Amino acid sequence: MSSATPPLPEPALTPDAADDLAALTALVSDWTTVPDIAERMDVSLARVRQMIADREVISLRTGPRRVVSIPAKFIGDEGPLPELKGTFTVLADGGMNDVEIVRWLFTPDDSLPVPGAPMDALLAGHKAEVRRRAQTLAF
C-alpha cells in the first residue's frame, strides 16, 4: 500500500475568475504547452516543469480542459528568455500574482519605446525600460 496521498482537486473557477482567465487567454493569444516546449527544446517534461518551478517562465491553466500553458513569447530559440526571470521577480515583489504579471506583460502600452506591450519591448531589447516601469508599479 502506498503512503502517497493523491493530489487535491483544483478548486472550480468562479464565473468572474473564468471570465478574467478567458480575457487573458485572448490577450496573450499564442500559448504553448509543456509537452510542446519539451519537444521543441529536445528536453524532458521534467526539465520544462523545473523551468516553471524555477520561475524561468510562468504557466497558467487555460482552455476548457485547463491545460498548463505558457505564453509562446516566453520561449526563444534557446529556451526561456533570460530577461524574464528578473522581470517576473520585480513584478512579484511589487505585489502581482502570476495572472497579473502575464496581463501586464501583454497589455499594449503606447508610451513604450516600441509599439505593443511590455513583452514586445523586452523582445526588442528594452529590458531596463520594462523593469524600470515594473518597479514604479510597486510604489
Protein backbone atom coordinates (compact mmCIF):
# COMPACT_ATOMS: atom_id res chain seq x y z
CA MET A 1 0.00 0.00 0.00
CA SER A 2 1.37 3.38 -0.98
CA SER A 3 1.57 6.13 1.61
CA ALA A 4 1.45 8.86 -1.03
CA THR A 5 -1.64 10.97 -0.88
CA PRO A 6 -3.45 11.77 -4.11
CA PRO A 7 -3.29 15.39 -5.27
CA LEU A 8 -6.12 17.61 -4.18
CA PRO A 9 -8.54 18.61 -6.94
CA GLU A 10 -8.20 22.16 -8.15
CA PRO A 11 -10.94 24.49 -6.98
CA ALA A 12 -13.52 25.38 -9.58
CA LEU A 13 -13.22 28.82 -11.08
CA THR A 14 -15.80 31.38 -10.08
CA PRO A 15 -17.64 32.95 -13.04
CA ASP A 16 -15.63 36.18 -12.61
CA ALA A 17 -12.33 34.30 -12.49
CA ALA A 18 -13.31 32.26 -15.54
CA ASP A 19 -14.16 35.45 -17.47
CA ASP A 20 -10.88 37.05 -16.36
CA LEU A 21 -8.90 33.99 -17.49
CA ALA A 22 -10.74 33.93 -20.83
CA ALA A 23 -9.88 37.60 -21.39
CA LEU A 24 -6.23 36.93 -20.51
CA THR A 25 -6.12 33.92 -22.81
CA ALA A 26 -7.38 36.12 -25.65
CA LEU A 27 -4.94 38.94 -24.77
CA VAL A 28 -1.92 36.62 -24.99
CA SER A 29 -3.41 34.68 -27.93
CA ASP A 30 -0.39 32.40 -28.56
CA TRP A 31 0.08 29.76 -25.86
CA THR A 32 2.17 26.61 -25.81
CA THR A 33 2.10 23.54 -23.55
CA VAL A 34 4.70 21.69 -21.50
CA PRO A 35 4.92 18.77 -23.97
CA ASP A 36 5.26 21.17 -26.92
CA ILE A 37 8.12 23.03 -25.24
CA ALA A 38 9.84 19.79 -24.28
CA GLU A 39 9.66 18.58 -27.87
CA ARG A 40 10.79 21.91 -29.32
CA MET A 41 13.77 22.16 -26.95
CA ASP A 42 14.51 18.42 -27.01
CA VAL A 43 14.35 18.16 -23.22
CA SER A 44 12.29 16.10 -20.80
CA LEU A 45 8.89 17.09 -19.47
CA ALA A 46 10.52 17.21 -16.04
CA ARG A 47 13.00 19.83 -17.28
CA VAL A 48 10.17 22.06 -18.53
CA ARG A 49 8.32 21.63 -15.24
CA GLN A 50 11.53 22.65 -13.45
CA MET A 51 11.68 25.81 -15.58
CA ILE A 52 8.19 26.61 -14.30
CA ALA A 53 9.17 25.82 -10.69
CA ASP A 54 12.31 27.98 -11.02
CA ARG A 55 10.15 30.80 -12.46
CA GLU A 56 12.10 30.97 -15.68
CA VAL A 57 8.62 31.01 -17.23
CA ILE A 58 5.14 31.47 -15.80
CA SER A 59 2.40 29.00 -16.59
CA LEU A 60 -1.34 29.28 -16.22
CA ARG A 61 -4.13 26.79 -16.74
CA THR A 62 -6.04 27.77 -19.87
CA GLY A 63 -8.77 26.48 -22.11
CA PRO A 64 -11.77 24.32 -21.36
CA ARG A 65 -9.56 21.47 -20.11
CA ARG A 66 -7.42 23.87 -18.02
CA VAL A 67 -4.17 22.68 -19.56
CA VAL A 68 -0.92 24.05 -18.14
CA SER A 69 0.04 26.64 -20.75
CA ILE A 70 2.87 29.11 -21.20
CA PRO A 71 2.78 32.22 -23.38
CA ALA A 72 4.73 31.25 -26.51
CA LYS A 73 6.67 34.55 -26.46
CA PHE A 74 8.32 33.42 -23.19
CA ILE A 75 10.30 30.80 -25.12
CA GLY A 76 13.05 31.78 -27.56
CA ASP A 77 15.22 29.65 -29.82
CA GLU A 78 17.47 28.66 -26.91
CA GLY A 79 14.73 28.24 -24.29
CA PRO A 80 13.17 30.64 -21.78
CA LEU A 81 14.09 34.26 -22.44
CA PRO A 82 16.72 35.17 -19.83
CA GLU A 83 15.32 38.67 -19.24
CA LEU A 84 12.02 37.25 -17.99
CA LYS A 85 13.11 35.78 -14.66
CA GLY A 86 14.26 39.11 -13.20
CA THR A 87 11.23 40.89 -14.63
CA PHE A 88 8.93 38.32 -13.01
CA THR A 89 10.73 38.89 -9.70
CA VAL A 90 10.35 42.69 -9.88
CA LEU A 91 6.63 42.39 -10.66
CA ALA A 92 6.01 39.75 -7.98
CA ASP A 93 7.91 41.84 -5.42
CA GLY A 94 5.57 44.67 -6.35
CA GLY A 95 2.62 42.50 -5.28
CA MET A 96 1.45 40.99 -8.56
CA ASN A 97 0.33 37.38 -8.86
CA ASP A 98 1.07 35.29 -11.97
CA VAL A 99 -2.16 36.23 -13.75
CA GLU A 100 -1.50 39.93 -13.15
CA ILE A 101 2.12 39.58 -14.32
CA VAL A 102 1.10 37.95 -17.59
CA ARG A 103 -1.66 40.51 -18.10
CA TRP A 104 0.77 43.43 -17.52
CA LEU A 105 3.38 41.98 -19.86
CA PHE A 106 0.86 41.59 -22.70
CA THR A 107 -1.28 44.73 -22.26
CA PRO A 108 -0.50 47.27 -25.01
CA ASP A 109 1.19 50.46 -23.82
CA ASP A 110 1.58 53.36 -26.27
CA SER A 111 4.23 55.02 -24.11
CA LEU A 112 6.81 52.26 -24.65
CA PRO A 113 9.79 52.87 -26.96
CA VAL A 114 8.42 50.22 -29.36
CA PRO A 115 4.83 49.57 -30.47
CA GLY A 116 2.98 46.97 -28.44
CA ALA A 117 3.16 45.68 -24.90
CA PRO A 118 5.97 45.37 -22.34
CA MET A 119 6.61 41.85 -23.67
CA ASP A 120 7.28 43.32 -27.13
CA ALA A 121 9.67 45.84 -25.57
CA LEU A 122 11.54 43.00 -23.82
CA LEU A 123 11.82 41.14 -27.12
CA ALA A 124 13.17 44.32 -28.74
CA GLY A 125 15.93 44.62 -26.12
CA HIS A 126 14.40 47.22 -23.79
CA LYS A 127 14.79 45.18 -20.58
CA ALA A 128 15.93 48.14 -18.45
CA GLU A 129 12.97 50.29 -19.51
CA VAL A 130 10.47 47.49 -18.84
CA ARG A 131 11.94 46.76 -15.40
CA ARG A 132 12.03 50.46 -14.53
CA ARG A 133 8.31 50.66 -15.28
CA ALA A 134 7.69 47.45 -13.33
CA GLN A 135 9.48 48.92 -10.31
CA THR A 136 7.33 52.04 -10.36
CA LEU A 137 4.21 49.86 -10.04
CA ALA A 138 5.32 48.82 -6.56
CA PHE A 139 5.25 52.38 -5.23
